[in-house]
Amino acid sequence: MESLDFRNKDFPVGLHPKARFGVDWNDKNVDDPNSFTHRFAQINGIRIHFVEEGQGPLVILLHGIPYLWYTWRRQIRALATAGYRVIAPDIRGFGQSDCPSDAQNYGLFYSVGDLVGLMEELGESTAVIVGHDLGAWVANAAIQLRPDLFRALVMLNTPVGPREALRPSVSWEKVRIATGKRGHHDYFQNPHVDPVLNADIRKTLRSILYSVSGRAIGEERWNPLIGEGETLLDTLLNPMQFPDWLSDEGLDYYVSEYSRNGFTPMLNHYRNRDRNWEQMAFLEGVKQQQPAMFIGGADDVLAPFFMPIFEKLENFMPNMQTKVLLKGVGHDAPEEQPNVVTSMLLEFLKNL
């Protein structure tokens, strides 16, 4: 395992964040969502919103929870300038993409189908797929279900391994018995969560985005095990001042987009964990052969939970090219260390 400390400019050879590519990645204009090219496509009976920049081999950037295409704003132009066609969609249920009313329509098969349909709409037959958090789940499913379309994989912050031996709900019950608390995936199954999170969209987003970041220290850090009688917000800190990696303009955009439909569509992705496990049974034991990279945060609050998967990724992905944890980085590497993530993506793409 490689762990790099980018707080102290400990960059690997060839990956200095401002070297070689001639792109001003600190351009404040990227915080303005209207400075990007926005498009819509009718896919699988719903409207998908996506941002598109550049020409060349296709790279698809998938966001996580509670994020949007906007998570990738500091990578999109750099990749496009380097000669790639970059697509960053709002996954179904997020932002300006449609939100199906049936919770079952948020499973991985649907999300992967949206990507396949989007590629057909764009006239593309192959892509590199990059996923953060939920996006890593979708990307990993896509590269297994359609290896003919997706030629390489990058996962950020959430290492997704092979299909779990146990049904997710069974694993959650074991955690409840052992700790008397619920893990966040288990907690989000309860529909009573939705109004709590929706009551104050800005507070919810500020609290989550800060508490899972590398800036949160000590008791500020989120504890993803939620006790009886606690709400998610009880386990989070709404900070007085937000870190500089998310501007006021950026936070306002997140708030405005989540105010469209609240958090229920987002939570519906969690509510398909068991169904995803059932539907992916036919892939059990299959190893992923495409080139892969994982970028995580050494200070991610979820690191203690994902380390067993992280340490064995090569067993499932024998063509893993790079696997790194960034010191000082929490659960949002694309925003917390955008220049480093961009450099690593460009280096990975160049070597394919």
Protein backbone atom coordinates (compact mmCIF):
# COMPACT_ATOMS: atom_id res chain seq x y z
CA MET A 1 0.00 0.00 0.00
CA GLU A 2 1.24 3.46 -0.90
CA SER A 3 0.32 6.40 1.30
CA LEU A 4 1.23 9.86 0.09
CA ASP A 5 1.22 13.03 2.16
CA PHE A 6 0.15 15.84 -0.16
CA ARG A 7 -0.11 18.30 2.70
CA ASN A 8 3.70 18.35 2.66
CA LYS A 9 4.08 18.32 -1.13
CA ASP A 10 5.14 14.65 -1.08
CA PHE A 11 4.23 14.13 -4.74
CA PRO A 12 5.24 10.97 -6.58
CA VAL A 13 7.63 11.43 -9.50
CA GLY A 14 5.86 12.98 -12.46
CA LEU A 15 2.71 13.82 -10.55
CA HIS A 16 3.29 17.34 -9.32
CA PRO A 17 -0.20 18.84 -9.57
CA LYS A 18 0.75 21.83 -11.73
CA ALA A 19 3.43 20.18 -13.84
CA ARG A 20 3.44 19.32 -17.52
CA PHE A 21 -0.17 19.70 -18.54
CA GLY A 22 -0.36 23.49 -18.83
CA VAL A 23 -3.80 23.80 -17.23
CA ASP A 24 -4.76 26.39 -14.63
CA TRP A 25 -6.61 24.01 -12.31
CA ASN A 26 -7.08 26.72 -9.72
CA ASP A 27 -9.23 28.81 -12.07
CA LYS A 28 -12.03 30.13 -9.85
CA ASN A 29 -14.35 30.12 -12.86
CA VAL A 30 -14.85 26.38 -12.34
CA ASP A 31 -16.97 27.13 -9.28
CA ASP A 32 -19.60 28.63 -11.59
CA PRO A 33 -21.78 25.73 -12.79
CA ASN A 34 -23.04 27.89 -15.66
CA SER A 35 -19.54 28.03 -17.13
CA PHE A 36 -19.88 24.38 -18.20
CA THR A 37 -21.76 22.87 -21.14
CA HIS A 38 -24.97 21.26 -19.86
CA ARG A 39 -26.91 18.71 -21.87
CA PHE A 40 -29.88 16.38 -21.42
CA ALA A 41 -30.70 13.00 -22.91
CA GLN A 42 -33.81 10.85 -22.74
CA ILE A 43 -32.56 7.46 -21.55
CA ASN A 44 -34.59 4.46 -20.37
CA GLY A 45 -37.73 6.54 -20.01
CA ILE A 46 -36.14 9.28 -17.88
CA ARG A 47 -34.23 12.48 -18.56
CA ILE A 48 -30.53 12.40 -17.63
CA HIS A 49 -28.61 15.63 -17.11
CA PHE A 50 -24.90 15.69 -17.83
CA VAL A 51 -22.02 18.08 -18.36
CA GLU A 52 -19.84 17.56 -21.43
CA GLU A 53 -16.46 19.05 -22.33
CA GLY A 54 -13.73 18.20 -24.82
CA GLN A 55 -13.13 15.80 -27.70
CA GLY A 56 -11.29 12.50 -27.82
CA PRO A 57 -11.53 9.17 -26.03
CA LEU A 58 -14.51 9.11 -23.69
CA VAL A 59 -14.09 9.42 -19.92
CA ILE A 60 -17.19 9.18 -17.72
CA LEU A 61 -17.04 10.75 -14.25
CA LEU A 62 -19.61 9.50 -11.71
CA HIS A 63 -20.31 11.30 -8.44
CA GLY A 64 -21.20 9.89 -5.05
CA ILE A 65 -23.54 10.66 -2.15
CA PRO A 66 -24.36 13.46 -1.32
CA TYR A 67 -22.69 14.97 -4.35
CA LEU A 68 -23.45 15.85 -8.00
CA TRP A 69 -21.65 16.11 -11.33
CA TYR A 70 -20.25 19.27 -9.72
CA THR A 71 -17.88 17.16 -7.60
CA TRP A 72 -15.73 16.82 -10.73
CA ARG A 73 -15.67 20.50 -11.71
CA ARG A 74 -11.89 20.75 -11.17
CA GLN A 75 -11.14 17.61 -13.17
CA ILE A 76 -13.47 18.11 -16.15
CA ARG A 77 -11.61 20.90 -17.95
CA ALA A 78 -8.15 19.51 -17.24
CA LEU A 79 -9.11 16.16 -18.76
CA ALA A 80 -10.80 17.86 -21.70
CA THR A 81 -7.74 20.05 -22.32
CA ALA A 82 -5.56 16.93 -22.27
CA GLY A 83 -7.53 15.48 -25.18
CA TYR A 84 -10.48 13.57 -23.73
CA ARG A 85 -14.23 13.79 -24.19
CA VAL A 86 -15.48 14.13 -20.62
CA ILE A 87 -19.01 13.32 -19.50
CA ALA A 88 -20.11 13.99 -15.92
CA PRO A 89 -23.77 13.02 -15.40
CA ASP A 90 -26.08 13.53 -12.50
CA ILE A 91 -26.91 9.92 -11.62
CA ARG A 92 -30.66 9.22 -11.68
CA GLY A 93 -32.26 10.77 -8.61
CA PHE A 94 -29.70 13.57 -8.34
CA GLY A 95 -29.61 17.18 -9.46
CA GLN A 96 -31.36 17.84 -12.74
CA SER A 97 -31.75 14.18 -13.70
CA ASP A 98 -35.19 12.67 -13.25
CA CYS A 99 -36.21 10.94 -10.03
CA PRO A 100 -38.35 7.82 -10.60
CA SER A 101 -41.08 7.43 -8.00
CA ASP A 102 -40.49 3.69 -7.44
CA ALA A 103 -37.57 3.04 -5.08
CA GLN A 104 -36.78 -0.20 -6.93
CA ASN A 105 -35.77 1.88 -9.97
CA TYR A 106 -32.58 2.99 -8.25
CA GLY A 107 -30.74 -0.34 -8.42
CA LEU A 108 -27.35 -0.74 -10.06
CA PHE A 109 -28.84 -2.36 -13.17
CA TYR A 110 -30.80 0.84 -13.83
CA SER A 111 -27.82 3.13 -13.24
CA VAL A 112 -25.57 1.05 -15.50
CA GLY A 113 -28.32 0.96 -18.11
CA ASP A 114 -28.42 4.75 -18.04
CA LEU A 115 -24.70 4.88 -18.84
CA VAL A 116 -25.04 2.39 -21.69
CA GLY A 117 -27.94 4.40 -23.10
CA LEU A 118 -26.01 7.63 -22.74
CA MET A 119 -23.06 6.18 -24.64
CA GLU A 120 -25.39 5.07 -27.42
CA GLU A 121 -26.92 8.54 -27.52
CA LEU A 122 -23.42 10.05 -27.85
CA GLY A 123 -22.33 7.55 -30.51
CA GLU A 124 -19.58 6.12 -28.30
CA SER A 125 -18.57 2.45 -28.12
CA THR A 126 -15.94 2.48 -25.35
CA ALA A 127 -15.12 4.53 -22.25
CA VAL A 128 -12.96 4.77 -19.19
CA ILE A 129 -15.23 4.97 -16.17
CA VAL A 130 -14.34 6.87 -12.98
CA GLY A 131 -16.51 6.67 -9.88
CA HIS A 132 -16.49 8.30 -6.46
CA ASP A 133 -18.43 6.78 -3.53
CA LEU A 134 -21.80 5.66 -5.02
CA GLY A 135 -20.22 6.30 -8.40
CA ALA A 136 -17.61 3.65 -7.59
CA TRP A 137 -20.40 1.13 -6.98
CA VAL A 138 -21.99 2.02 -10.32
CA ALA A 139 -18.65 2.03 -12.15
CA ASN A 140 -17.65 -1.34 -10.71
CA ALA A 141 -21.00 -2.83 -11.73
CA ALA A 142 -20.70 -1.32 -15.21
CA ILE A 143 -17.28 -2.76 -15.87
CA GLN A 144 -18.47 -6.22 -14.80
CA LEU A 145 -21.80 -6.14 -16.63
CA ARG A 146 -20.48 -4.55 -19.85
CA PRO A 147 -16.73 -5.23 -20.15
CA ASP A 148 -17.16 -4.74 -23.90
CA LEU A 149 -17.93 -1.05 -23.33
CA PHE A 150 -15.83 -0.04 -20.33
CA ARG A 151 -12.11 -0.47 -20.87
CA ALA A 152 -10.70 0.77 -17.56
CA LEU A 153 -11.86 1.68 -14.06
CA VAL A 154 -10.91 4.26 -11.44
CA MET A 155 -12.55 4.19 -8.00
CA LEU A 156 -12.23 7.00 -5.48
CA ASN A 157 -12.77 6.76 -1.73
CA THR A 158 -14.92 3.62 -1.89
CA PRO A 159 -13.10 0.42 -2.85
CA VAL A 160 -15.73 -1.93 -4.23
CA GLY A 161 -14.68 -5.55 -4.22
CA PRO A 162 -16.38 -8.77 -5.25
CA ARG A 163 -19.96 -9.56 -4.31
CA GLU A 164 -20.24 -9.90 -0.54
CA ALA A 165 -20.56 -13.41 0.89
CA LEU A 166 -23.52 -12.32 3.01
CA ARG A 167 -26.65 -10.44 2.03
CA PRO A 168 -26.07 -6.80 3.13
CA SER A 169 -29.01 -6.80 5.55
CA VAL A 170 -27.59 -9.90 7.26
CA SER A 171 -24.23 -8.15 7.71
CA TRP A 172 -26.00 -5.08 9.09
CA GLU A 173 -27.79 -7.21 11.66
CA LYS A 174 -24.45 -8.61 12.82
CA VAL A 175 -23.21 -5.05 13.36
CA ARG A 176 -26.33 -4.19 15.37
CA ILE A 177 -25.84 -7.24 17.58
CA ALA A 178 -22.14 -6.53 18.10
CA THR A 179 -22.34 -2.76 18.70
CA GLY A 180 -25.94 -1.91 19.55
CA LYS A 181 -25.78 0.61 16.70
CA ARG A 182 -26.65 0.78 13.02
CA GLY A 183 -24.23 1.39 10.20
CA HIS A 184 -25.28 4.20 7.91
CA HIS A 185 -26.45 1.93 5.07
CA ASP A 186 -28.68 0.13 7.57
CA TYR A 187 -29.89 3.40 9.10
CA PHE A 188 -30.88 4.79 5.68
CA GLN A 189 -33.37 1.95 5.12
CA ASN A 190 -35.76 3.72 7.51
CA PRO A 191 -38.13 6.13 5.71
CA HIS A 192 -38.29 8.29 8.85
CA VAL A 193 -34.77 9.45 7.98
CA ASP A 194 -35.95 11.44 4.97
CA PRO A 195 -37.85 14.29 6.70
CA VAL A 196 -35.01 14.76 9.18
CA LEU A 197 -32.52 15.35 6.38
CA ASN A 198 -34.95 17.40 4.29
CA ALA A 199 -35.88 19.79 7.11
CA ASP A 200 -32.83 21.99 6.51
CA ILE A 201 -31.04 21.12 3.25
CA ARG A 202 -28.17 23.55 3.84
CA LYS A 203 -27.47 22.31 7.35
CA THR A 204 -27.60 18.67 6.23
CA LEU A 205 -25.18 19.22 3.38
CA ARG A 206 -22.76 21.40 5.37
CA SER A 207 -22.75 18.85 8.18
CA ILE A 208 -22.16 15.82 5.97
CA LEU A 209 -19.61 17.39 3.63
CA TYR A 210 -17.54 18.76 6.50
CA SER A 211 -17.74 15.83 8.91
CA VAL A 212 -16.59 13.27 6.34
CA SER A 213 -13.73 15.46 5.11
CA GLY A 214 -10.10 15.35 6.15
CA ARG A 215 -10.51 18.76 7.82
CA ALA A 216 -12.70 17.31 10.57
CA ILE A 217 -10.56 16.26 13.53
CA GLY A 218 -11.22 14.49 16.81
CA GLU A 219 -14.84 14.65 17.86
CA GLU A 220 -15.68 16.64 14.72
CA ARG A 221 -15.27 13.48 12.67
CA TRP A 222 -18.39 11.59 11.72
CA ASN A 223 -19.08 8.30 13.47
CA PRO A 224 -20.92 6.16 10.88
CA LEU A 225 -22.40 3.96 13.61
CA ILE A 226 -25.68 5.54 14.71
CA GLY A 227 -27.14 4.71 18.10
CA GLU A 228 -30.70 4.07 19.16
CA GLY A 229 -32.62 7.34 19.33
CA GLU A 230 -29.94 9.22 17.37
CA THR A 231 -30.43 10.84 13.99
CA LEU A 232 -27.74 11.16 11.36
CA LEU A 233 -27.44 14.87 12.17
CA ASP A 234 -26.67 14.02 15.80
CA THR A 235 -23.48 12.34 14.58
CA LEU A 236 -22.34 15.26 12.43
CA LEU A 237 -20.93 18.75 12.98
CA ASN A 238 -22.26 21.82 11.20
CA PRO A 239 -19.04 23.90 11.19
CA MET A 240 -18.77 27.61 11.83
CA GLN A 241 -16.49 27.99 8.79
CA PHE A 242 -16.34 25.67 5.82
CA PRO A 243 -12.99 24.56 4.29
CA ASP A 244 -11.79 26.51 1.27
CA TRP A 245 -12.12 23.57 -1.11
CA LEU A 246 -15.85 24.32 -1.33
CA SER A 247 -16.69 27.96 -2.00
CA ASP A 248 -19.90 29.69 -0.93
CA GLU A 249 -20.96 29.56 -4.58
CA GLY A 250 -20.31 25.83 -4.67
CA LEU A 251 -22.26 25.17 -1.49
CA ASP A 252 -25.14 27.29 -2.78
CA TYR A 253 -25.23 25.15 -5.92
CA TYR A 254 -25.36 21.92 -3.94
CA VAL A 255 -28.17 23.34 -1.79
CA SER A 256 -30.19 24.58 -4.76
CA GLU A 257 -29.90 21.22 -6.56
CA TYR A 258 -30.83 19.11 -3.53
CA SER A 259 -33.71 21.44 -2.82
CA ARG A 260 -35.33 20.24 -6.07
CA ASN A 261 -36.25 16.79 -4.75
CA GLY A 262 -34.81 16.43 -1.25
CA PHE A 263 -32.78 13.44 -0.17
CA THR A 264 -35.27 10.62 -0.75
CA PRO A 265 -34.10 9.80 -4.32
CA MET A 266 -30.52 9.72 -3.07
CA LEU A 267 -31.45 7.40 -0.20
CA ASN A 268 -33.24 5.07 -2.61
CA HIS A 269 -29.85 4.00 -3.93
CA TYR A 270 -29.01 2.68 -0.45
CA ARG A 271 -32.40 1.00 -0.31
CA ASN A 272 -31.45 -1.28 -3.18
CA ARG A 273 -28.44 -2.89 -1.50
CA ASP A 274 -30.14 -6.26 -0.98
CA ARG A 275 -31.68 -6.20 -4.45
CA ASN A 276 -28.32 -5.39 -6.03
CA TRP A 277 -26.76 -8.30 -4.15
CA GLU A 278 -29.41 -10.66 -5.46
CA GLN A 279 -29.19 -9.46 -9.05
CA MET A 280 -25.39 -9.63 -9.21
CA ALA A 281 -25.25 -13.26 -8.02
CA PHE A 282 -24.34 -14.53 -11.50
CA LEU A 283 -21.06 -12.59 -11.34
CA GLU A 284 -19.83 -14.23 -8.15
CA GLY A 285 -16.23 -15.33 -8.51
CA VAL A 286 -15.64 -13.33 -11.70
CA LYS A 287 -12.41 -11.30 -11.66
CA GLN A 288 -12.24 -7.92 -13.29
CA GLN A 289 -9.49 -7.88 -15.91
CA GLN A 290 -9.46 -4.24 -17.05
CA PRO A 291 -6.76 -1.79 -15.88
CA ALA A 292 -7.81 -0.22 -12.58
CA MET A 293 -6.75 2.42 -10.06
CA PHE A 294 -7.95 3.27 -6.58
CA ILE A 295 -7.48 6.66 -4.87
CA GLY A 296 -8.62 6.90 -1.27
CA GLY A 297 -8.23 9.13 1.75
CA ALA A 298 -6.01 8.02 4.61
CA ASP A 299 -8.15 10.21 6.88
CA ASP A 300 -11.47 8.95 5.52
CA VAL A 301 -13.83 8.20 8.42
CA LEU A 302 -14.91 5.08 6.55
CA ALA A 303 -11.34 3.77 6.16
CA PRO A 304 -11.58 1.35 9.12
CA PHE A 305 -14.60 -0.23 7.45
CA PHE A 306 -13.21 -0.50 3.91
CA MET A 307 -9.59 -1.46 4.70
CA PRO A 308 -10.19 -5.22 4.46
CA ILE A 309 -11.45 -4.72 0.90
CA PHE A 310 -8.74 -2.18 0.07
CA GLU A 311 -5.98 -4.55 1.13
CA LYS A 312 -7.25 -7.34 -1.12
CA LEU A 313 -8.32 -5.39 -4.20
CA GLU A 314 -5.67 -7.06 -6.35
CA ASN A 315 -7.26 -10.45 -5.70
CA PHE A 316 -10.40 -9.22 -7.46
CA MET A 317 -8.70 -6.82 -9.87
CA PRO A 318 -5.42 -8.43 -10.97
CA ASN A 319 -4.71 -5.52 -13.33
CA MET A 320 -4.70 -2.92 -10.53
CA GLN A 321 -2.20 -0.27 -11.68
CA THR A 322 -2.15 2.06 -8.68
CA LYS A 323 -3.62 1.89 -5.18
CA VAL A 324 -3.02 4.84 -2.88
CA LEU A 325 -4.33 6.53 0.25
CA LEU A 326 -3.77 10.29 0.42
CA LYS A 327 -2.85 11.60 3.85
CA GLY A 328 -4.95 14.50 5.08
CA VAL A 329 -7.77 13.54 2.71
CA GLY A 330 -11.18 12.38 3.89
CA HIS A 331 -14.09 10.98 1.88
CA ASP A 332 -14.11 13.55 -0.93
CA ALA A 333 -10.76 13.29 -2.69
CA PRO A 334 -11.88 15.00 -5.95
CA GLU A 335 -12.75 18.18 -4.05
CA GLU A 336 -10.33 18.02 -1.12
CA GLN A 337 -7.24 17.44 -3.32
CA PRO A 338 -8.41 18.22 -6.86
CA ASN A 339 -5.00 18.85 -8.38
CA VAL A 340 -3.55 15.59 -7.12
CA VAL A 341 -6.57 13.60 -8.26
CA THR A 342 -6.43 15.26 -11.67
CA SER A 343 -2.73 14.47 -12.06
CA MET A 344 -3.26 10.85 -11.11
CA LEU A 345 -6.18 10.50 -13.53
CA LEU A 346 -4.15 11.99 -16.38
CA GLU A 347 -1.20 9.72 -15.65
CA PHE A 348 -3.46 6.66 -15.54
CA LEU A 349 -5.20 7.60 -18.79
CA LYS A 350 -1.91 8.30 -20.55
CA ASN A 351 -0.64 4.82 -19.77
CA LEU A 352 -3.69 2.90 -20.99
